[in-house]
Amino acid sequence: MRDADTDEEPRFVVHLTLRATDLVAAHLLTRALLRSLGPPADVILGETTISEEGVPDVQHQVFCDRRMTYGRRCLLRPEHDGGCSRHPLRPLPH
C-alpha cells in the first residue's frame, strides 16, 4: 500500500518460477537469465532471491546488494571477496 503523501509511482514485483535441481544450479540459472536481460533498469539485481519450493520464507540472495558509483549495483555473488564490480567475474581492488 502506498503512502498518500509520497509522489512515488506504485512498484510491482514479478515472481518468476524456474525449476533447478539444487541451490547451485538455481543460482547459475538465475544469474544467467538476469545477465541475459541486459540488465534493464527495471531489473533490480540486488533484490533477486531464490527460495526452495514450499519454503518461501528462506530466501537466498543471488547478487551482491551493495551500491557502487552512480547508484549502480555490484554484479558479483553475495559475500564475495574483494571490492565490488560491474563485471560479474572480476572484483575491483578495494
N, C-alpha and C. Protein backbone atom coordinates (compact mmCIF):
# COMPACT_ATOMS: atom_id res chain seq x y z
N MET A 1 0.83 -1.17 0.00
CA MET A 1 0.00 0.00 0.00
C MET A 1 0.88 1.24 0.00
N ARG A 2 0.55 2.22 -0.78
CA ARG A 2 1.35 3.44 -0.88
C ARG A 2 0.95 4.43 0.18
N ASP A 3 1.95 5.21 0.60
CA ASP A 3 1.69 6.32 1.49
C ASP A 3 1.12 7.46 0.67
N ALA A 4 0.02 8.04 1.09
CA ALA A 4 -0.67 9.08 0.31
C ALA A 4 0.17 10.33 0.14
N ASP A 5 1.19 10.55 1.00
CA ASP A 5 1.99 11.76 0.93
C ASP A 5 3.21 11.64 0.02
N THR A 6 3.43 10.51 -0.62
CA THR A 6 4.60 10.35 -1.48
C THR A 6 4.21 10.54 -2.94
N ASP A 7 5.20 10.95 -3.73
CA ASP A 7 4.98 11.12 -5.17
C ASP A 7 5.45 9.90 -5.96
N GLU A 8 5.86 8.86 -5.28
CA GLU A 8 6.38 7.69 -5.97
C GLU A 8 5.28 6.92 -6.68
N GLU A 9 5.64 6.38 -7.82
CA GLU A 9 4.74 5.53 -8.57
C GLU A 9 4.60 4.20 -7.83
N PRO A 10 3.52 3.48 -8.04
CA PRO A 10 3.42 2.15 -7.43
C PRO A 10 4.51 1.25 -7.98
N ARG A 11 4.95 0.33 -7.18
CA ARG A 11 6.01 -0.60 -7.58
C ARG A 11 5.45 -2.01 -7.54
N PHE A 12 5.63 -2.74 -8.63
CA PHE A 12 5.13 -4.10 -8.72
C PHE A 12 6.32 -5.05 -8.84
N VAL A 13 6.21 -6.21 -8.25
CA VAL A 13 7.26 -7.21 -8.27
C VAL A 13 6.77 -8.41 -9.08
N VAL A 14 7.58 -8.86 -10.02
CA VAL A 14 7.24 -10.03 -10.83
C VAL A 14 7.94 -11.24 -10.22
N HIS A 15 7.18 -12.27 -9.92
CA HIS A 15 7.74 -13.51 -9.38
C HIS A 15 7.76 -14.53 -10.51
N LEU A 16 8.94 -14.98 -10.86
CA LEU A 16 9.13 -15.93 -11.96
C LEU A 16 9.64 -17.23 -11.37
N THR A 17 8.93 -18.30 -11.58
CA THR A 17 9.35 -19.59 -11.04
C THR A 17 10.16 -20.36 -12.07
N LEU A 18 11.36 -20.75 -11.68
CA LEU A 18 12.24 -21.57 -12.51
C LEU A 18 12.54 -22.83 -11.72
N ARG A 19 12.71 -23.94 -12.41
CA ARG A 19 12.99 -25.20 -11.72
C ARG A 19 14.47 -25.55 -11.92
N ALA A 20 15.14 -25.88 -10.81
CA ALA A 20 16.53 -26.32 -10.85
C ALA A 20 16.69 -27.50 -9.90
N THR A 21 17.74 -28.27 -10.11
CA THR A 21 17.92 -29.49 -9.33
C THR A 21 18.50 -29.25 -7.94
N ASP A 22 19.22 -28.13 -7.75
CA ASP A 22 19.78 -27.80 -6.44
C ASP A 22 20.05 -26.31 -6.37
N LEU A 23 20.50 -25.83 -5.20
CA LEU A 23 20.69 -24.40 -5.00
C LEU A 23 21.76 -23.83 -5.91
N VAL A 24 22.85 -24.55 -6.12
CA VAL A 24 23.91 -24.07 -7.01
C VAL A 24 23.38 -23.93 -8.44
N ALA A 25 22.65 -24.92 -8.91
CA ALA A 25 22.07 -24.84 -10.26
C ALA A 25 21.06 -23.70 -10.35
N ALA A 26 20.30 -23.47 -9.29
CA ALA A 26 19.34 -22.36 -9.27
C ALA A 26 20.05 -21.02 -9.36
N HIS A 27 21.16 -20.87 -8.63
CA HIS A 27 21.95 -19.63 -8.70
C HIS A 27 22.48 -19.42 -10.11
N LEU A 28 23.06 -20.46 -10.70
CA LEU A 28 23.62 -20.33 -12.05
C LEU A 28 22.55 -19.97 -13.07
N LEU A 29 21.42 -20.64 -13.00
CA LEU A 29 20.31 -20.37 -13.93
C LEU A 29 19.79 -18.94 -13.77
N THR A 30 19.60 -18.52 -12.55
CA THR A 30 19.07 -17.17 -12.29
C THR A 30 20.04 -16.10 -12.75
N ARG A 31 21.32 -16.27 -12.42
CA ARG A 31 22.33 -15.28 -12.83
C ARG A 31 22.42 -15.19 -14.36
N ALA A 32 22.41 -16.33 -15.03
CA ALA A 32 22.48 -16.33 -16.49
C ALA A 32 21.26 -15.65 -17.10
N LEU A 33 20.09 -15.96 -16.57
CA LEU A 33 18.86 -15.35 -17.08
C LEU A 33 18.88 -13.83 -16.91
N LEU A 34 19.21 -13.37 -15.72
CA LEU A 34 19.18 -11.93 -15.46
C LEU A 34 20.27 -11.19 -16.23
N ARG A 35 21.45 -11.78 -16.35
CA ARG A 35 22.51 -11.13 -17.14
C ARG A 35 22.11 -11.06 -18.60
N SER A 36 21.37 -12.04 -19.10
CA SER A 36 20.96 -12.03 -20.50
C SER A 36 19.95 -10.93 -20.80
N LEU A 37 19.30 -10.41 -19.77
CA LEU A 37 18.32 -9.33 -19.96
C LEU A 37 18.98 -7.98 -20.15
N GLY A 38 20.26 -7.85 -19.89
CA GLY A 38 20.89 -6.58 -20.20
C GLY A 38 21.84 -5.98 -19.18
N PRO A 39 21.55 -5.76 -17.97
CA PRO A 39 20.24 -5.79 -17.31
C PRO A 39 19.48 -4.51 -17.56
N PRO A 40 18.20 -4.58 -17.85
CA PRO A 40 17.42 -3.35 -18.00
C PRO A 40 17.32 -2.63 -16.66
N ALA A 41 17.07 -1.36 -16.70
CA ALA A 41 16.99 -0.55 -15.48
C ALA A 41 15.91 -1.05 -14.53
N ASP A 42 14.90 -1.73 -15.04
CA ASP A 42 13.80 -2.17 -14.19
C ASP A 42 14.09 -3.46 -13.44
N VAL A 43 15.18 -4.15 -13.77
CA VAL A 43 15.54 -5.37 -13.04
C VAL A 43 16.48 -4.96 -11.92
N ILE A 44 16.09 -5.22 -10.69
CA ILE A 44 16.90 -4.86 -9.53
C ILE A 44 17.65 -6.11 -9.09
N LEU A 45 18.85 -6.27 -9.59
CA LEU A 45 19.61 -7.49 -9.36
C LEU A 45 19.87 -7.74 -7.89
N GLY A 46 20.16 -6.69 -7.14
CA GLY A 46 20.47 -6.85 -5.72
C GLY A 46 19.31 -7.36 -4.89
N GLU A 47 18.11 -7.28 -5.41
CA GLU A 47 16.94 -7.77 -4.68
C GLU A 47 16.47 -9.13 -5.18
N THR A 48 17.21 -9.72 -6.13
CA THR A 48 16.84 -11.02 -6.67
C THR A 48 17.18 -12.12 -5.67
N THR A 49 16.22 -12.97 -5.37
CA THR A 49 16.44 -14.06 -4.42
C THR A 49 15.91 -15.37 -4.97
N ILE A 50 16.36 -16.47 -4.36
CA ILE A 50 15.91 -17.81 -4.69
C ILE A 50 15.37 -18.43 -3.41
N SER A 51 14.29 -19.16 -3.51
CA SER A 51 13.80 -19.93 -2.36
C SER A 51 13.45 -21.33 -2.82
N GLU A 52 13.51 -22.26 -1.88
CA GLU A 52 13.13 -23.63 -2.19
C GLU A 52 11.62 -23.70 -2.31
N GLU A 53 11.14 -24.49 -3.25
CA GLU A 53 9.70 -24.66 -3.43
C GLU A 53 9.07 -25.10 -2.12
N GLY A 54 8.02 -24.39 -1.72
CA GLY A 54 7.32 -24.71 -0.49
C GLY A 54 7.93 -24.06 0.75
N VAL A 55 9.07 -23.38 0.59
CA VAL A 55 9.73 -22.72 1.72
C VAL A 55 10.05 -21.27 1.32
N PRO A 56 9.04 -20.46 1.07
CA PRO A 56 9.27 -19.11 0.56
C PRO A 56 9.91 -18.15 1.57
N ASP A 57 9.88 -18.50 2.85
CA ASP A 57 10.44 -17.60 3.86
C ASP A 57 11.96 -17.67 3.95
N VAL A 58 12.56 -18.71 3.39
CA VAL A 58 14.02 -18.85 3.40
C VAL A 58 14.51 -18.48 2.00
N GLN A 59 15.04 -17.26 1.88
CA GLN A 59 15.46 -16.78 0.58
C GLN A 59 16.97 -16.63 0.52
N HIS A 60 17.54 -16.95 -0.63
CA HIS A 60 18.97 -16.87 -0.86
C HIS A 60 19.22 -15.76 -1.89
N GLN A 61 20.04 -14.80 -1.53
CA GLN A 61 20.35 -13.69 -2.42
C GLN A 61 21.22 -14.18 -3.57
N VAL A 62 21.02 -13.64 -4.78
CA VAL A 62 21.74 -14.09 -5.97
C VAL A 62 22.89 -13.14 -6.32
N PHE A 63 22.69 -11.84 -6.15
CA PHE A 63 23.71 -10.84 -6.46
C PHE A 63 24.03 -10.03 -5.21
N CYS A 64 25.22 -9.48 -5.16
CA CYS A 64 25.61 -8.55 -4.10
C CYS A 64 24.65 -7.36 -4.14
N ASP A 65 24.27 -6.84 -3.01
CA ASP A 65 23.30 -5.74 -2.98
C ASP A 65 23.96 -4.39 -2.71
N ARG A 66 25.29 -4.34 -2.70
CA ARG A 66 25.97 -3.07 -2.41
C ARG A 66 25.89 -2.12 -3.60
N ARG A 67 25.66 -0.87 -3.29
CA ARG A 67 25.64 0.16 -4.34
C ARG A 67 27.05 0.63 -4.62
N MET A 68 27.30 0.91 -5.89
CA MET A 68 28.60 1.40 -6.32
C MET A 68 28.43 2.84 -6.79
N THR A 69 29.43 3.32 -7.51
CA THR A 69 29.40 4.67 -8.07
C THR A 69 28.15 4.88 -8.93
N TYR A 70 27.57 6.06 -8.84
CA TYR A 70 26.40 6.45 -9.63
C TYR A 70 25.17 5.60 -9.33
N GLY A 71 25.11 4.98 -8.14
CA GLY A 71 23.95 4.21 -7.73
C GLY A 71 23.84 2.85 -8.37
N ARG A 72 24.83 2.47 -9.17
CA ARG A 72 24.79 1.14 -9.79
C ARG A 72 25.11 0.09 -8.75
N ARG A 73 24.65 -1.12 -8.99
CA ARG A 73 24.87 -2.21 -8.03
C ARG A 73 25.92 -3.19 -8.55
N CYS A 74 26.56 -3.84 -7.60
CA CYS A 74 27.58 -4.85 -7.89
C CYS A 74 26.93 -6.06 -8.55
N LEU A 75 27.64 -6.67 -9.51
CA LEU A 75 27.13 -7.86 -10.20
C LEU A 75 27.74 -9.17 -9.71
N LEU A 76 28.54 -9.10 -8.64
CA LEU A 76 29.15 -10.31 -8.11
C LEU A 76 28.20 -11.06 -7.19
N ARG A 77 28.61 -12.24 -6.78
CA ARG A 77 27.81 -13.04 -5.85
C ARG A 77 27.78 -12.36 -4.48
N PRO A 78 26.77 -12.65 -3.67
CA PRO A 78 26.73 -12.11 -2.32
C PRO A 78 27.96 -12.57 -1.52
N GLU A 79 28.42 -11.74 -0.61
CA GLU A 79 29.55 -12.07 0.27
C GLU A 79 30.80 -12.45 -0.51
N HIS A 80 31.03 -11.79 -1.66
CA HIS A 80 32.23 -12.05 -2.46
C HIS A 80 33.46 -11.47 -1.77
N ASP A 81 34.63 -11.97 -2.16
CA ASP A 81 35.89 -11.45 -1.67
C ASP A 81 36.27 -10.22 -2.50
N GLY A 82 36.98 -9.29 -1.90
CA GLY A 82 37.46 -8.12 -2.62
C GLY A 82 36.38 -7.08 -2.83
N GLY A 83 36.71 -6.09 -3.66
CA GLY A 83 35.79 -5.00 -3.93
C GLY A 83 34.68 -5.41 -4.88
N CYS A 84 33.69 -4.56 -4.97
CA CYS A 84 32.55 -4.80 -5.86
C CYS A 84 32.93 -4.53 -7.31
N SER A 85 32.12 -5.04 -8.23
CA SER A 85 32.42 -4.88 -9.66
C SER A 85 31.14 -4.92 -10.48
N ARG A 86 31.14 -4.23 -11.61
CA ARG A 86 30.05 -4.32 -12.57
C ARG A 86 30.30 -5.48 -13.53
N HIS A 87 31.48 -6.07 -13.49
CA HIS A 87 31.78 -7.25 -14.30
C HIS A 87 31.50 -8.46 -13.42
N PRO A 88 30.65 -9.41 -13.87
CA PRO A 88 30.22 -10.49 -12.98
C PRO A 88 31.32 -11.45 -12.53
N LEU A 89 32.52 -11.37 -13.08
CA LEU A 89 33.57 -12.32 -12.71
C LEU A 89 34.77 -11.68 -12.04
N ARG A 90 34.90 -10.34 -12.06
CA ARG A 90 36.10 -9.71 -11.54
C ARG A 90 35.80 -8.66 -10.48
N PRO A 91 36.21 -8.88 -9.22
CA PRO A 91 36.06 -7.81 -8.22
C PRO A 91 37.07 -6.71 -8.46
N LEU A 92 36.72 -5.49 -8.11
CA LEU A 92 37.65 -4.37 -8.18
C LEU A 92 38.49 -4.37 -6.90
N PRO A 93 39.75 -3.95 -6.98
CA PRO A 93 40.55 -3.87 -5.75
C PRO A 93 39.95 -2.82 -4.81
N HIS A 94 40.03 -3.06 -3.48
CA HIS A 94 39.46 -2.06 -2.58
C HIS A 94 40.43 -0.98 -2.26
